[in-house]
Amino acid sequence: MAKIESDLNVSRESTSLRLLVENRLRSAIGSGLFKPGQRLIERELCEQVGVGRTSIREALRQLEAEGLVTTIPHRGPIVSTISVEEAEQLYDLRALLEGYAGRECARLRDPEIIGRLRKQFVQMGAVAGQEDRSDLLAAKTEFYAALLEGCGNVFVERFLKMLLNRVTVLRMTSMTQSNRIGRSLAEIETILVAIEAGDEDGAEQACVQHIKNAAAIALEALRRDNP
């Protein structure tokens, strides 16, 4: 038994390092530092992140499973691209699931979840004026994390996280529109107020409308870049 336990032992340090590398690369893709279609060269990533090739390869495999990275034969891994048709389908599904999540979050009205939502909304307002949108994206990501957890459905949470990862570059695109940020914050506040009030219909409708508005901006930019 001692031998089996020894063989199955996992280094906590290596696991933590792998997660750190995954998060660093995921953030670089989401912020637009790595562009769609850009090659991800292991040697360069090792130098940029400061880790060995094993950690980079493990992280790239995970990001490929999430749809953020695609491996091209004879070329290697690249940042995944997304077509207009794929983006439309992803946003339609996201609106459906996020509307449900908002409704359930309002029904359950977990005080801890509502506190997290309010905190991240305040943070969004505090960083909305920054030219670098990475802090705004981080606050929105935490807001959605609380929303998904607050719906109480692990399957909806799991699928929505996957969808958010897949459209992360498009989310950044919509946030680069200066006139969109103010409207986005107003829409998110409507979601938050409905959840705080336990207004299930209002929360669902606000979530769906928010996604539709964000999708319109992102899809317009995608069509412009891919005529």
C-alpha atoms as a PDB file:
ATOM      1  CA  MET A   1       0.000   0.000   0.000  1.00  0.00           C
ATOM      2  CA  ALA A   2       2.860   2.370   0.842  1.00  0.00           C
ATOM      3  CA  LYS A   3       4.328   1.810  -2.633  1.00  0.00           C
ATOM      4  CA  ILE A   4       0.988   2.618  -4.323  1.00  0.00           C
ATOM      5  CA  GLU A   5       0.587   5.795  -2.275  1.00  0.00           C
ATOM      6  CA  SER A   6       4.098   6.825  -3.262  1.00  0.00           C
ATOM      7  CA  ASP A   7       3.407   6.228  -6.967  1.00  0.00           C
ATOM      8  CA  LEU A   8       0.179   8.237  -6.861  1.00  0.00           C
ATOM      9  CA  ASN A   9       1.604  11.165  -4.932  1.00  0.00           C
ATOM     10  CA  VAL A  10       1.261  14.463  -6.812  1.00  0.00           C
ATOM     11  CA  SER A  11       3.544  17.424  -6.286  1.00  0.00           C
ATOM     12  CA  ARG A  12       1.440  20.371  -5.165  1.00  0.00           C
ATOM     13  CA  GLU A  13       4.121  22.732  -6.376  1.00  0.00           C
ATOM     14  CA  SER A  14       4.054  21.350  -9.942  1.00  0.00           C
ATOM     15  CA  THR A  15       0.243  21.455 -10.013  1.00  0.00           C
ATOM     16  CA  SER A  16       0.239  25.071  -8.838  1.00  0.00           C
ATOM     17  CA  LEU A  17       2.852  25.972 -11.451  1.00  0.00           C
ATOM     18  CA  ARG A  18       0.803  24.358 -14.213  1.00  0.00           C
ATOM     19  CA  LEU A  19      -2.279  26.326 -13.199  1.00  0.00           C
ATOM     20  CA  LEU A  20      -0.287  29.543 -13.034  1.00  0.00           C
ATOM     21  CA  VAL A  21       1.060  28.984 -16.544  1.00  0.00           C
ATOM     22  CA  GLU A  22      -2.422  28.121 -17.843  1.00  0.00           C
ATOM     23  CA  ASN A  23      -3.878  31.279 -16.322  1.00  0.00           C
ATOM     24  CA  ARG A  24      -1.047  33.430 -17.655  1.00  0.00           C
ATOM     25  CA  LEU A  25      -1.477  32.159 -21.213  1.00  0.00           C
ATOM     26  CA  ARG A  26      -5.276  32.264 -20.982  1.00  0.00           C
ATOM     27  CA  SER A  27      -5.071  35.884 -19.867  1.00  0.00           C
ATOM     28  CA  ALA A  28      -2.661  36.739 -22.695  1.00  0.00           C
ATOM     29  CA  ILE A  29      -5.136  35.345 -25.230  1.00  0.00           C
ATOM     30  CA  GLY A  30      -8.122  37.016 -23.605  1.00  0.00           C
ATOM     31  CA  SER A  31      -6.438  40.425 -23.438  1.00  0.00           C
ATOM     32  CA  GLY A  32      -5.429  40.267 -27.086  1.00  0.00           C
ATOM     33  CA  LEU A  33      -1.697  40.069 -26.375  1.00  0.00           C
ATOM     34  CA  PHE A  34      -1.730  36.880 -28.453  1.00  0.00           C
ATOM     35  CA  LYS A  35      -3.874  37.453 -31.537  1.00  0.00           C
ATOM     36  CA  PRO A  36      -6.207  34.916 -33.213  1.00  0.00           C
ATOM     37  CA  GLY A  37      -4.195  32.842 -35.666  1.00  0.00           C
ATOM     38  CA  GLN A  38      -0.861  33.732 -34.029  1.00  0.00           C
ATOM     39  CA  ARG A  39       1.642  30.880 -33.689  1.00  0.00           C
ATOM     40  CA  LEU A  40       2.513  29.891 -30.135  1.00  0.00           C
ATOM     41  CA  ILE A  41       6.170  28.898 -30.279  1.00  0.00           C
ATOM     42  CA  GLU A  42       7.250  26.849 -27.255  1.00  0.00           C
ATOM     43  CA  ARG A  43      10.751  28.322 -27.045  1.00  0.00           C
ATOM     44  CA  GLU A  44       9.425  31.878 -27.053  1.00  0.00           C
ATOM     45  CA  LEU A  45       6.721  31.054 -24.513  1.00  0.00           C
ATOM     46  CA  CYS A  46       9.317  29.485 -22.206  1.00  0.00           C
ATOM     47  CA  GLU A  47      11.327  32.709 -22.315  1.00  0.00           C
ATOM     48  CA  GLN A  48       8.285  34.950 -21.869  1.00  0.00           C
ATOM     49  CA  VAL A  49       6.723  33.000 -18.996  1.00  0.00           C
ATOM     50  CA  GLY A  50       9.973  31.827 -17.413  1.00  0.00           C
ATOM     51  CA  VAL A  51       9.187  28.106 -17.188  1.00  0.00           C
ATOM     52  CA  GLY A  52      10.286  24.890 -18.913  1.00  0.00           C
ATOM     53  CA  ARG A  53       8.794  23.282 -21.998  1.00  0.00           C
ATOM     54  CA  THR A  54       6.915  20.633 -20.013  1.00  0.00           C
ATOM     55  CA  SER A  55       4.848  23.283 -18.209  1.00  0.00           C
ATOM     56  CA  ILE A  56       4.180  25.124 -21.474  1.00  0.00           C
ATOM     57  CA  ARG A  57       3.092  21.941 -23.251  1.00  0.00           C
ATOM     58  CA  GLU A  58       0.743  20.955 -20.420  1.00  0.00           C
ATOM     59  CA  ALA A  59      -0.797  24.425 -20.403  1.00  0.00           C
ATOM     60  CA  LEU A  60      -1.251  24.427 -24.181  1.00  0.00           C
ATOM     61  CA  ARG A  61      -2.992  21.043 -24.020  1.00  0.00           C
ATOM     62  CA  GLN A  62      -5.458  22.406 -21.482  1.00  0.00           C
ATOM     63  CA  LEU A  63      -6.105  25.554 -23.514  1.00  0.00           C
ATOM     64  CA  GLU A  64      -6.638  23.396 -26.596  1.00  0.00           C
ATOM     65  CA  ALA A  65      -9.256  21.400 -24.665  1.00  0.00           C
ATOM     66  CA  GLU A  66     -10.976  24.720 -23.868  1.00  0.00           C
ATOM     67  CA  GLY A  67     -10.971  25.741 -27.528  1.00  0.00           C
ATOM     68  CA  LEU A  68      -8.556  28.643 -27.065  1.00  0.00           C
ATOM     69  CA  VAL A  69      -5.684  26.930 -28.892  1.00  0.00           C
ATOM     70  CA  THR A  70      -5.678  24.854 -32.079  1.00  0.00           C
ATOM     71  CA  THR A  71      -2.829  22.578 -33.158  1.00  0.00           C
ATOM     72  CA  ILE A  72      -2.149  22.729 -36.900  1.00  0.00           C
ATOM     73  CA  PRO A  73      -0.260  19.784 -38.479  1.00  0.00           C
ATOM     74  CA  HIS A  74       3.315  20.709 -39.479  1.00  0.00           C
ATOM     75  CA  ARG A  75       2.838  24.147 -37.931  1.00  0.00           C
ATOM     76  CA  GLY A  76       2.117  23.631 -34.260  1.00  0.00           C
ATOM     77  CA  PRO A  77      -0.243  25.399 -31.853  1.00  0.00           C
ATOM     78  CA  ILE A  78      -1.906  28.703 -32.754  1.00  0.00           C
ATOM     79  CA  VAL A  79      -4.443  30.926 -31.026  1.00  0.00           C
ATOM     80  CA  SER A  80      -7.832  29.669 -32.201  1.00  0.00           C
ATOM     81  CA  THR A  81      -9.769  31.713 -34.709  1.00  0.00           C
ATOM     82  CA  ILE A  82     -13.547  31.918 -34.809  1.00  0.00           C
ATOM     83  CA  SER A  83     -15.864  32.364 -37.778  1.00  0.00           C
ATOM     84  CA  VAL A  84     -18.874  34.674 -37.839  1.00  0.00           C
ATOM     85  CA  GLU A  85     -21.215  31.680 -37.961  1.00  0.00           C
ATOM     86  CA  GLU A  86     -19.512  30.037 -34.971  1.00  0.00           C
ATOM     87  CA  ALA A  87     -19.630  33.292 -33.015  1.00  0.00           C
ATOM     88  CA  GLU A  88     -23.353  33.726 -33.721  1.00  0.00           C
ATOM     89  CA  GLN A  89     -24.056  30.209 -32.473  1.00  0.00           C
ATOM     90  CA  LEU A  90     -21.930  30.698 -29.361  1.00  0.00           C
ATOM     91  CA  TYR A  91     -23.635  33.976 -28.466  1.00  0.00           C
ATOM     92  CA  ASP A  92     -27.104  32.473 -29.025  1.00  0.00           C
ATOM     93  CA  LEU A  93     -26.289  29.616 -26.658  1.00  0.00           C
ATOM     94  CA  ARG A  94     -24.652  31.955 -24.176  1.00  0.00           C
ATOM     95  CA  ALA A  95     -27.765  34.168 -24.069  1.00  0.00           C
ATOM     96  CA  LEU A  96     -29.952  31.128 -23.426  1.00  0.00           C
ATOM     97  CA  LEU A  97     -27.793  29.724 -20.622  1.00  0.00           C
ATOM     98  CA  GLU A  98     -26.914  33.054 -19.051  1.00  0.00           C
ATOM     99  CA  GLY A  99     -30.569  34.058 -18.996  1.00  0.00           C
ATOM    100  CA  TYR A 100     -31.295  30.878 -17.046  1.00  0.00           C
ATOM    101  CA  ALA A 101     -28.359  31.559 -14.723  1.00  0.00           C
ATOM    102  CA  GLY A 102     -29.632  35.071 -14.016  1.00  0.00           C
ATOM    103  CA  ARG A 103     -33.137  33.789 -13.289  1.00  0.00           C
ATOM    104  CA  GLU A 104     -31.890  31.128 -10.885  1.00  0.00           C
ATOM    105  CA  CYS A 105     -29.503  33.551  -9.216  1.00  0.00           C
ATOM    106  CA  ALA A 106     -32.436  35.903  -8.559  1.00  0.00           C
ATOM    107  CA  ARG A 107     -34.570  33.042  -7.256  1.00  0.00           C
ATOM    108  CA  LEU A 108     -31.910  31.809  -4.834  1.00  0.00           C
ATOM    109  CA  ARG A 109     -30.703  35.301  -3.774  1.00  0.00           C
ATOM    110  CA  ASP A 110     -27.626  34.037  -1.971  1.00  0.00           C
ATOM    111  CA  PRO A 111     -26.334  37.005   0.108  1.00  0.00           C
ATOM    112  CA  GLU A 112     -22.697  35.982  -0.364  1.00  0.00           C
ATOM    113  CA  ILE A 113     -23.144  35.777  -4.149  1.00  0.00           C
ATOM    114  CA  ILE A 114     -24.948  39.113  -4.280  1.00  0.00           C
ATOM    115  CA  GLY A 115     -22.125  40.679  -2.267  1.00  0.00           C
ATOM    116  CA  ARG A 116     -19.568  39.377  -4.768  1.00  0.00           C
ATOM    117  CA  LEU A 117     -21.640  40.646  -7.695  1.00  0.00           C
ATOM    118  CA  ARG A 118     -21.922  44.102  -6.138  1.00  0.00           C
ATOM    119  CA  LYS A 119     -18.195  44.203  -5.357  1.00  0.00           C
ATOM    120  CA  GLN A 120     -17.205  43.373  -8.937  1.00  0.00           C
ATOM    121  CA  PHE A 121     -19.720  45.844 -10.359  1.00  0.00           C
ATOM    122  CA  VAL A 122     -18.159  48.596  -8.246  1.00  0.00           C
ATOM    123  CA  GLN A 123     -14.718  47.479  -9.430  1.00  0.00           C
ATOM    124  CA  MET A 124     -15.859  47.670 -13.064  1.00  0.00           C
ATOM    125  CA  GLY A 125     -16.942  51.247 -12.538  1.00  0.00           C
ATOM    126  CA  ALA A 126     -13.626  52.091 -10.898  1.00  0.00           C
ATOM    127  CA  VAL A 127     -11.507  50.821 -13.812  1.00  0.00           C
ATOM    128  CA  ALA A 128     -13.847  51.605 -16.728  1.00  0.00           C
ATOM    129  CA  GLY A 129     -11.913  54.756 -17.601  1.00  0.00           C
ATOM    130  CA  GLN A 130      -8.574  52.996 -17.961  1.00  0.00           C
ATOM    131  CA  GLU A 131      -7.167  52.708 -21.473  1.00  0.00           C
ATOM    132  CA  ASP A 132      -5.907  49.202 -20.681  1.00  0.00           C
ATOM    133  CA  ARG A 133      -9.049  47.047 -20.559  1.00  0.00           C
ATOM    134  CA  SER A 134      -7.441  44.082 -18.790  1.00  0.00           C
ATOM    135  CA  ASP A 135      -8.637  45.165 -15.313  1.00  0.00           C
ATOM    136  CA  LEU A 136     -12.146  45.681 -16.651  1.00  0.00           C
ATOM    137  CA  LEU A 137     -12.117  42.242 -18.268  1.00  0.00           C
ATOM    138  CA  ALA A 138     -10.867  40.713 -15.008  1.00  0.00           C
ATOM    139  CA  ALA A 139     -13.682  42.344 -13.014  1.00  0.00           C
ATOM    140  CA  LYS A 140     -16.294  41.224 -15.557  1.00  0.00           C
ATOM    141  CA  THR A 141     -14.884  37.706 -15.465  1.00  0.00           C
ATOM    142  CA  GLU A 142     -15.220  37.636 -11.662  1.00  0.00           C
ATOM    143  CA  PHE A 143     -18.757  39.022 -11.932  1.00  0.00           C
ATOM    144  CA  TYR A 144     -19.720  36.193 -14.287  1.00  0.00           C
ATOM    145  CA  ALA A 145     -17.982  33.652 -12.045  1.00  0.00           C
ATOM    146  CA  ALA A 146     -20.204  34.751  -9.156  1.00  0.00           C
ATOM    147  CA  LEU A 147     -23.302  34.746 -11.376  1.00  0.00           C
ATOM    148  CA  LEU A 148     -22.625  31.218 -12.589  1.00  0.00           C
ATOM    149  CA  GLU A 149     -21.902  29.927  -9.100  1.00  0.00           C
ATOM    150  CA  GLY A 150     -25.018  31.655  -7.811  1.00  0.00           C
ATOM    151  CA  CYS A 151     -27.330  29.843 -10.230  1.00  0.00           C
ATOM    152  CA  GLY A 152     -26.697  26.609  -8.317  1.00  0.00           C
ATOM    153  CA  ASN A 153     -26.438  24.420 -11.429  1.00  0.00           C
ATOM    154  CA  VAL A 154     -22.979  22.949 -11.924  1.00  0.00           C
ATOM    155  CA  PHE A 155     -23.719  21.920 -15.521  1.00  0.00           C
ATOM    156  CA  VAL A 156     -24.824  25.397 -16.572  1.00  0.00           C
ATOM    157  CA  GLU A 157     -21.778  26.781 -14.776  1.00  0.00           C
ATOM    158  CA  ARG A 158     -19.474  24.353 -16.584  1.00  0.00           C
ATOM    159  CA  PHE A 159     -20.891  24.990 -20.074  1.00  0.00           C
ATOM    160  CA  LEU A 160     -21.005  28.753 -19.643  1.00  0.00           C
ATOM    161  CA  LYS A 161     -17.391  28.854 -18.504  1.00  0.00           C
ATOM    162  CA  MET A 162     -16.475  27.003 -21.685  1.00  0.00           C
ATOM    163  CA  LEU A 163     -18.457  29.465 -23.812  1.00  0.00           C
ATOM    164  CA  LEU A 164     -16.917  32.467 -22.051  1.00  0.00           C
ATOM    165  CA  ASN A 165     -13.453  31.082 -22.725  1.00  0.00           C
ATOM    166  CA  ARG A 166     -14.306  30.565 -26.388  1.00  0.00           C
ATOM    167  CA  VAL A 167     -15.552  34.128 -26.945  1.00  0.00           C
ATOM    168  CA  THR A 168     -13.009  35.793 -24.674  1.00  0.00           C
ATOM    169  CA  VAL A 169     -11.262  37.585 -27.559  1.00  0.00           C
ATOM    170  CA  LEU A 170     -14.609  38.848 -28.855  1.00  0.00           C
ATOM    171  CA  ARG A 171     -15.462  40.133 -25.372  1.00  0.00           C
ATOM    172  CA  MET A 172     -12.312  42.231 -25.429  1.00  0.00           C
ATOM    173  CA  THR A 173     -13.252  43.492 -28.897  1.00  0.00           C
ATOM    174  CA  SER A 174     -16.628  44.746 -27.680  1.00  0.00           C
ATOM    175  CA  MET A 175     -15.020  46.447 -24.685  1.00  0.00           C
ATOM    176  CA  THR A 176     -12.646  48.443 -26.885  1.00  0.00           C
ATOM    177  CA  GLN A 177     -15.654  50.428 -28.128  1.00  0.00           C
ATOM    178  CA  SER A 178     -15.652  53.451 -25.823  1.00  0.00           C
ATOM    179  CA  ASN A 179     -19.374  54.110 -26.282  1.00  0.00           C
ATOM    180  CA  ARG A 180     -20.131  50.475 -25.410  1.00  0.00           C
ATOM    181  CA  ILE A 181     -18.557  50.496 -21.944  1.00  0.00           C
ATOM    182  CA  GLY A 182     -21.051  52.879 -20.371  1.00  0.00           C
ATOM    183  CA  ARG A 183     -24.016  51.006 -21.822  1.00  0.00           C
ATOM    184  CA  SER A 184     -22.506  47.686 -20.755  1.00  0.00           C
ATOM    185  CA  LEU A 185     -22.157  48.861 -17.156  1.00  0.00           C
ATOM    186  CA  ALA A 186     -25.753  50.110 -17.168  1.00  0.00           C
ATOM    187  CA  GLU A 187     -26.928  46.725 -18.453  1.00  0.00           C
ATOM    188  CA  ILE A 188     -24.916  44.881 -15.809  1.00  0.00           C
ATOM    189  CA  GLU A 189     -26.380  47.129 -13.120  1.00  0.00           C
ATOM    190  CA  THR A 190     -29.867  46.201 -14.361  1.00  0.00           C
ATOM    191  CA  ILE A 191     -28.942  42.528 -13.975  1.00  0.00           C
ATOM    192  CA  LEU A 192     -27.580  43.132 -10.481  1.00  0.00           C
ATOM    193  CA  VAL A 193     -30.587  45.152  -9.289  1.00  0.00           C
ATOM    194  CA  ALA A 194     -32.985  42.479 -10.557  1.00  0.00           C
ATOM    195  CA  ILE A 195     -31.044  39.737  -8.759  1.00  0.00           C
ATOM    196  CA  GLU A 196     -30.923  41.759  -5.537  1.00  0.00           C
ATOM    197  CA  ALA A 197     -34.706  42.266  -5.755  1.00  0.00           C
ATOM    198  CA  GLY A 198     -35.388  38.607  -6.499  1.00  0.00           C
ATOM    199  CA  ASP A 199     -36.941  39.599  -9.841  1.00  0.00           C
ATOM    200  CA  GLU A 200     -36.495  36.353 -11.783  1.00  0.00           C
ATOM    201  CA  ASP A 201     -38.080  37.535 -15.043  1.00  0.00           C
ATOM    202  CA  GLY A 202     -36.214  40.830 -14.915  1.00  0.00           C
ATOM    203  CA  ALA A 203     -32.864  39.162 -14.275  1.00  0.00           C
ATOM    204  CA  GLU A 204     -33.355  36.702 -17.127  1.00  0.00           C
ATOM    205  CA  GLN A 205     -34.428  39.397 -19.585  1.00  0.00           C
ATOM    206  CA  ALA A 206     -31.574  41.699 -18.557  1.00  0.00           C
ATOM    207  CA  CYS A 207     -29.002  38.923 -19.025  1.00  0.00           C
ATOM    208  CA  VAL A 208     -30.329  38.006 -22.466  1.00  0.00           C
ATOM    209  CA  GLN A 209     -30.446  41.630 -23.616  1.00  0.00           C
ATOM    210  CA  HIS A 210     -26.920  42.267 -22.356  1.00  0.00           C
ATOM    211  CA  ILE A 211     -25.572  39.326 -24.369  1.00  0.00           C
ATOM    212  CA  LYS A 212     -27.498  40.369 -27.491  1.00  0.00           C
ATOM    213  CA  ASN A 213     -26.073  43.887 -27.300  1.00  0.00           C
ATOM    214  CA  ALA A 214     -22.517  42.648 -26.738  1.00  0.00           C
ATOM    215  CA  ALA A 215     -22.923  40.145 -29.570  1.00  0.00           C
ATOM    216  CA  ALA A 216     -24.014  42.843 -32.012  1.00  0.00           C
ATOM    217  CA  ILE A 217     -20.798  44.821 -31.408  1.00  0.00           C
ATOM    218  CA  ALA A 218     -18.509  41.794 -31.487  1.00  0.00           C
ATOM    219  CA  LEU A 219     -20.088  40.298 -34.604  1.00  0.00           C
ATOM    220  CA  GLU A 220     -19.903  43.614 -36.440  1.00  0.00           C
ATOM    221  CA  ALA A 221     -16.171  43.795 -35.715  1.00  0.00           C
ATOM    222  CA  LEU A 222     -15.702  40.160 -36.725  1.00  0.00           C
ATOM    223  CA  ARG A 223     -17.479  40.704 -40.052  1.00  0.00           C
ATOM    224  CA  ARG A 224     -15.401  43.814 -40.689  1.00  0.00           C
ATOM    225  CA  ASP A 225     -12.161  41.933 -40.062  1.00  0.00           C
ATOM    226  CA  ASN A 226     -13.297  38.901 -42.086  1.00  0.00           C
ATOM    227  CA  PRO A 227     -15.091  40.284 -45.164  1.00  0.00           C
END
